[in-house]
């Protein structure tokens, strides 16, 4: 809110949904001119704090905006000539609040289930075009000994949820991406020092992802 107030010509907040516990999920649009019509430029979405305990990712997402306007990083500002940038610093406000105040190791949201609490939002996404995003073919919903990539055990910190896109936070992100015609998403996590990108895509796209990942690695390593 402070950044929006300080830079009204470049930053605008949008409230894109509510969490299970009723908190706002907030997106920032960053543009060279906030009054320009949306959709005329390519757009990138940066998200943080899918996982409640990964506090640094929310700070990292906001830091990009602060570097642009507070520190006048012209390399970053120049991107606004060609792109609109959207930032959702906290995808999981309920879990983040709980992690800060109660359990610093908490990872999921705060959805109240029949016999447990919380869903790993990062494991809840589903698309009909690629259902394996939510569940691989050999992973059966009535078993936990075949879990791959996510868990069917509600007690697990990687619990994928009762079905794909079941969570309010995930629905908000999907609706936002579809409504804005987002071209690329960068999802920040604070584990493993890895740059992850899709490989089950056509060869041209995979080469682009690999090139971008290599450039990111070089930037980080100086």
Protein backbone atom coordinates (compact mmCIF):
# COMPACT_ATOMS: atom_id res chain seq x y z
CA UNK A 1 0.00 0.00 0.00
CA UNK A 2 2.89 2.32 0.77
CA UNK A 3 4.46 1.68 -2.62
CA UNK A 4 1.14 2.25 -4.41
CA UNK A 5 0.69 5.54 -2.57
CA UNK A 6 4.26 6.64 -3.29
CA UNK A 7 4.24 5.67 -6.99
CA UNK A 8 0.62 6.05 -8.16
CA UNK A 9 1.62 6.39 -11.82
CA UNK A 10 3.40 3.04 -11.81
CA UNK A 11 1.81 0.77 -9.20
CA UNK A 12 -1.78 -0.29 -8.63
CA UNK A 13 -3.11 -2.89 -6.21
CA UNK A 14 -5.81 -5.37 -7.08
CA UNK A 15 -7.60 -7.61 -4.60
CA UNK A 16 -7.98 -10.88 -6.46
CA UNK A 17 -9.65 -13.14 -3.90
CA UNK A 18 -10.10 -14.21 -0.30
CA UNK A 19 -8.37 -16.99 1.60
CA UNK A 20 -10.13 -19.72 3.56
CA UNK A 21 -9.91 -17.55 6.69
CA UNK A 22 -11.06 -14.46 4.82
CA UNK A 23 -7.81 -12.58 4.23
CA UNK A 24 -7.22 -10.62 1.04
CA UNK A 25 -4.94 -11.94 -1.68
CA UNK A 26 -3.30 -8.87 -3.18
CA UNK A 27 -1.69 -8.41 -6.58
CA UNK A 28 0.41 -5.45 -7.65
CA UNK A 29 0.46 -4.26 -11.24
CA UNK A 30 3.70 -2.49 -12.12
CA UNK A 31 3.65 -0.51 -15.35
CA UNK A 32 5.45 2.33 -17.09
CA UNK A 33 2.10 4.12 -17.06
CA UNK A 34 -0.57 2.58 -14.86
CA UNK A 35 -3.29 4.28 -16.92
CA UNK A 36 -2.29 2.41 -20.08
CA UNK A 37 -4.71 -0.27 -21.15
CA UNK A 38 -3.82 -3.71 -19.82
CA UNK A 39 -3.04 -6.43 -22.30
CA UNK A 40 -1.20 -4.27 -24.80
CA UNK A 41 2.19 -5.52 -23.61
CA UNK A 42 3.57 -8.88 -22.66
CA UNK A 43 3.16 -9.60 -18.96
CA UNK A 44 5.01 -11.50 -16.26
CA UNK A 45 3.66 -12.66 -12.90
CA UNK A 46 5.95 -13.11 -9.89
CA UNK A 47 4.54 -14.97 -6.87
CA UNK A 48 5.85 -15.58 -3.37
CA UNK A 49 4.85 -17.50 -0.27
CA UNK A 50 2.93 -20.42 -1.70
CA UNK A 51 4.56 -22.19 1.23
CA UNK A 52 3.91 -20.44 4.53
CA UNK A 53 7.32 -21.02 6.08
CA UNK A 54 9.27 -19.64 3.11
CA UNK A 55 9.16 -16.10 4.46
CA UNK A 56 12.00 -14.78 2.32
CA UNK A 57 10.05 -15.28 -0.91
CA UNK A 58 7.54 -12.56 -0.05
CA UNK A 59 10.39 -10.19 0.71
CA UNK A 60 12.15 -11.18 -2.52
CA UNK A 61 9.04 -10.45 -4.59
CA UNK A 62 8.60 -7.02 -3.00
CA UNK A 63 12.31 -6.35 -3.31
CA UNK A 64 12.01 -6.43 -7.10
CA UNK A 65 9.56 -3.52 -6.94
CA UNK A 66 11.65 -1.66 -4.40
CA UNK A 67 14.80 -2.08 -6.49
CA UNK A 68 12.99 -0.54 -9.45
CA UNK A 69 11.59 2.55 -7.79
CA UNK A 70 13.38 3.07 -4.49
CA UNK A 71 16.89 2.30 -5.78
CA UNK A 72 16.25 3.21 -9.43
CA UNK A 73 17.65 0.03 -10.92
CA UNK A 74 17.45 1.12 -14.55
CA UNK A 75 18.09 -2.38 -15.88
CA UNK A 76 14.87 -3.44 -14.16
CA UNK A 77 12.98 -0.25 -15.00
CA UNK A 78 13.78 -0.70 -18.68
CA UNK A 79 11.75 -3.91 -18.69
CA UNK A 80 8.65 -1.77 -18.24
CA UNK A 81 9.12 -0.46 -21.77
CA UNK A 82 8.13 -3.90 -23.02
CA UNK A 83 6.36 -5.64 -20.11
CA UNK A 84 3.78 -5.16 -17.44
CA UNK A 85 4.87 -6.93 -14.28
CA UNK A 86 2.45 -8.36 -11.73
CA UNK A 87 3.58 -9.30 -8.24
CA UNK A 88 1.66 -11.37 -5.69
CA UNK A 89 4.01 -11.33 -2.69
CA UNK A 90 1.86 -13.57 -0.46
CA UNK A 91 -0.20 -16.31 -2.11
CA UNK A 92 -0.85 -17.96 1.27
CA UNK A 93 -1.67 -15.22 3.82
CA UNK A 94 -3.39 -17.58 6.30
CA UNK A 95 -0.48 -19.99 6.44
CA UNK A 96 2.04 -17.15 6.53
CA UNK A 97 0.33 -15.55 9.53
CA UNK A 98 0.20 -18.91 11.32
CA UNK A 99 3.83 -19.61 10.52
CA UNK A 100 4.92 -16.22 11.86
CA UNK A 101 2.95 -16.41 15.09
CA UNK A 102 2.48 -20.08 15.97
CA UNK A 103 4.48 -22.67 14.01
CA UNK A 104 7.50 -21.48 11.98
CA UNK A 105 7.65 -24.85 10.20
CA UNK A 106 4.07 -24.61 8.86
CA UNK A 107 3.90 -25.06 5.09
CA UNK A 108 0.25 -25.41 4.04
CA UNK A 109 -2.77 -23.11 4.09
CA UNK A 110 -5.26 -23.22 6.98
CA UNK A 111 -8.15 -25.08 5.35
CA UNK A 112 -10.05 -27.07 7.99
CA UNK A 113 -10.49 -30.65 6.77
CA UNK A 114 -12.38 -33.58 8.29
CA UNK A 115 -9.41 -35.01 10.18
CA UNK A 116 -6.56 -32.58 9.60
CA UNK A 117 -5.58 -29.04 8.70
CA UNK A 118 -4.22 -27.48 5.56
CA UNK A 119 -3.41 -28.12 1.90
CA UNK A 120 -0.08 -27.59 0.14
CA UNK A 121 -1.17 -24.92 -2.35
CA UNK A 122 1.80 -25.60 -4.60
CA UNK A 123 0.55 -29.19 -5.04
CA UNK A 124 -3.09 -28.28 -5.63
CA UNK A 125 -2.99 -26.91 -9.17
CA UNK A 126 -4.83 -28.81 -11.89
CA UNK A 127 -5.39 -28.29 -15.59
CA UNK A 128 -7.42 -30.58 -17.88
CA UNK A 129 -4.74 -30.17 -20.56
CA UNK A 130 -2.16 -31.76 -18.27
CA UNK A 131 -3.83 -33.66 -15.42
CA UNK A 132 -0.46 -35.10 -14.35
CA UNK A 133 0.31 -31.67 -12.91
CA UNK A 134 -1.96 -32.67 -10.02
CA UNK A 135 -1.50 -36.45 -10.06
CA UNK A 136 0.69 -38.84 -12.04
CA UNK A 137 -1.09 -41.82 -13.66
CA UNK A 138 0.30 -44.43 -11.24
CA UNK A 139 -0.53 -42.40 -8.13
CA UNK A 140 -3.91 -43.59 -6.85
CA UNK A 141 -6.02 -41.30 -4.63
CA UNK A 142 -6.99 -44.09 -2.23
CA UNK A 143 -3.36 -45.00 -1.44
CA UNK A 144 -0.42 -43.23 0.15
CA UNK A 145 2.33 -45.75 -0.61
CA UNK A 146 2.44 -44.71 -4.26
CA UNK A 147 2.54 -40.96 -3.72
CA UNK A 148 4.75 -39.10 -6.15
CA UNK A 149 5.46 -35.36 -6.05
CA UNK A 150 2.66 -34.78 -3.56
CA UNK A 151 0.83 -36.75 -0.90
CA UNK A 152 -2.69 -38.09 -0.42
CA UNK A 153 -2.14 -38.13 3.33
CA UNK A 154 -3.93 -35.10 4.82
CA UNK A 155 -1.38 -35.05 7.64
CA UNK A 156 1.50 -34.64 5.21
CA UNK A 157 2.98 -31.15 4.68
CA UNK A 158 2.81 -31.95 0.94
CA UNK A 159 -0.90 -32.90 0.96
CA UNK A 160 -2.29 -32.15 -2.51
CA UNK A 161 -5.84 -31.55 -1.32
CA UNK A 162 -9.12 -33.41 -1.86
CA UNK A 163 -9.15 -32.56 -5.59
CA UNK A 164 -7.38 -30.26 -8.03
CA UNK A 165 -7.96 -26.51 -7.67
CA UNK A 166 -9.94 -27.10 -4.48
CA UNK A 167 -8.39 -24.19 -2.58
CA UNK A 168 -9.57 -20.59 -2.64
CA UNK A 169 -6.02 -19.29 -2.99
CA UNK A 170 -5.32 -21.50 -6.01
CA UNK A 171 -8.61 -20.52 -7.64
CA UNK A 172 -7.69 -16.86 -7.19
CA UNK A 173 -4.32 -17.33 -8.88
CA UNK A 174 -5.78 -19.30 -11.79
CA UNK A 175 -8.56 -16.77 -12.37
CA UNK A 176 -6.06 -13.93 -12.21
CA UNK A 177 -3.67 -15.53 -14.71
CA UNK A 178 -6.50 -16.31 -17.13
CA UNK A 179 -8.04 -12.85 -16.84
CA UNK A 180 -4.74 -11.05 -17.49
CA UNK A 181 -3.40 -13.36 -20.22
CA UNK A 182 -0.13 -13.76 -18.32
CA UNK A 183 2.73 -14.81 -20.59
CA UNK A 184 5.14 -16.14 -17.95
CA UNK A 185 5.11 -16.95 -14.24
CA UNK A 186 8.08 -16.90 -11.87
CA UNK A 187 7.20 -18.64 -8.61
CA UNK A 188 9.67 -17.96 -5.80
CA UNK A 189 10.62 -20.58 -3.20
CA UNK A 190 13.40 -20.58 -0.60
CA UNK A 191 14.68 -24.14 -0.79
CA UNK A 192 17.47 -25.98 -2.63
CA UNK A 193 19.00 -23.10 -4.63
CA UNK A 194 17.38 -24.49 -7.77
CA UNK A 195 15.93 -22.96 -10.91
CA UNK A 196 13.12 -25.27 -12.03
CA UNK A 197 11.43 -25.13 -15.42
CA UNK A 198 9.06 -27.40 -17.38
CA UNK A 199 10.63 -30.07 -19.56
CA UNK A 200 7.52 -31.82 -20.91
CA UNK A 201 6.99 -29.13 -23.54
CA UNK A 202 7.94 -28.75 -27.19
CA UNK A 203 11.65 -28.55 -27.90
CA UNK A 204 11.68 -24.85 -28.79
CA UNK A 205 10.12 -23.88 -25.49
CA UNK A 206 12.45 -26.14 -23.54
CA UNK A 207 15.46 -24.48 -25.18
CA UNK A 208 14.10 -21.06 -24.20
CA UNK A 209 13.53 -22.18 -20.60
CA UNK A 210 17.04 -23.62 -20.44
CA UNK A 211 18.60 -20.43 -21.84
CA UNK A 212 16.69 -18.25 -19.36
CA UNK A 213 17.67 -20.55 -16.47
CA UNK A 214 21.33 -20.38 -17.47
CA UNK A 215 21.22 -16.58 -17.62
CA UNK A 216 19.55 -16.45 -14.20
CA UNK A 217 22.24 -18.72 -12.78
CA UNK A 218 25.00 -16.53 -14.22
CA UNK A 219 23.37 -13.42 -12.75
CA UNK A 220 23.15 -15.00 -9.29
CA UNK A 221 26.73 -16.22 -9.43
CA UNK A 222 27.96 -12.83 -10.56
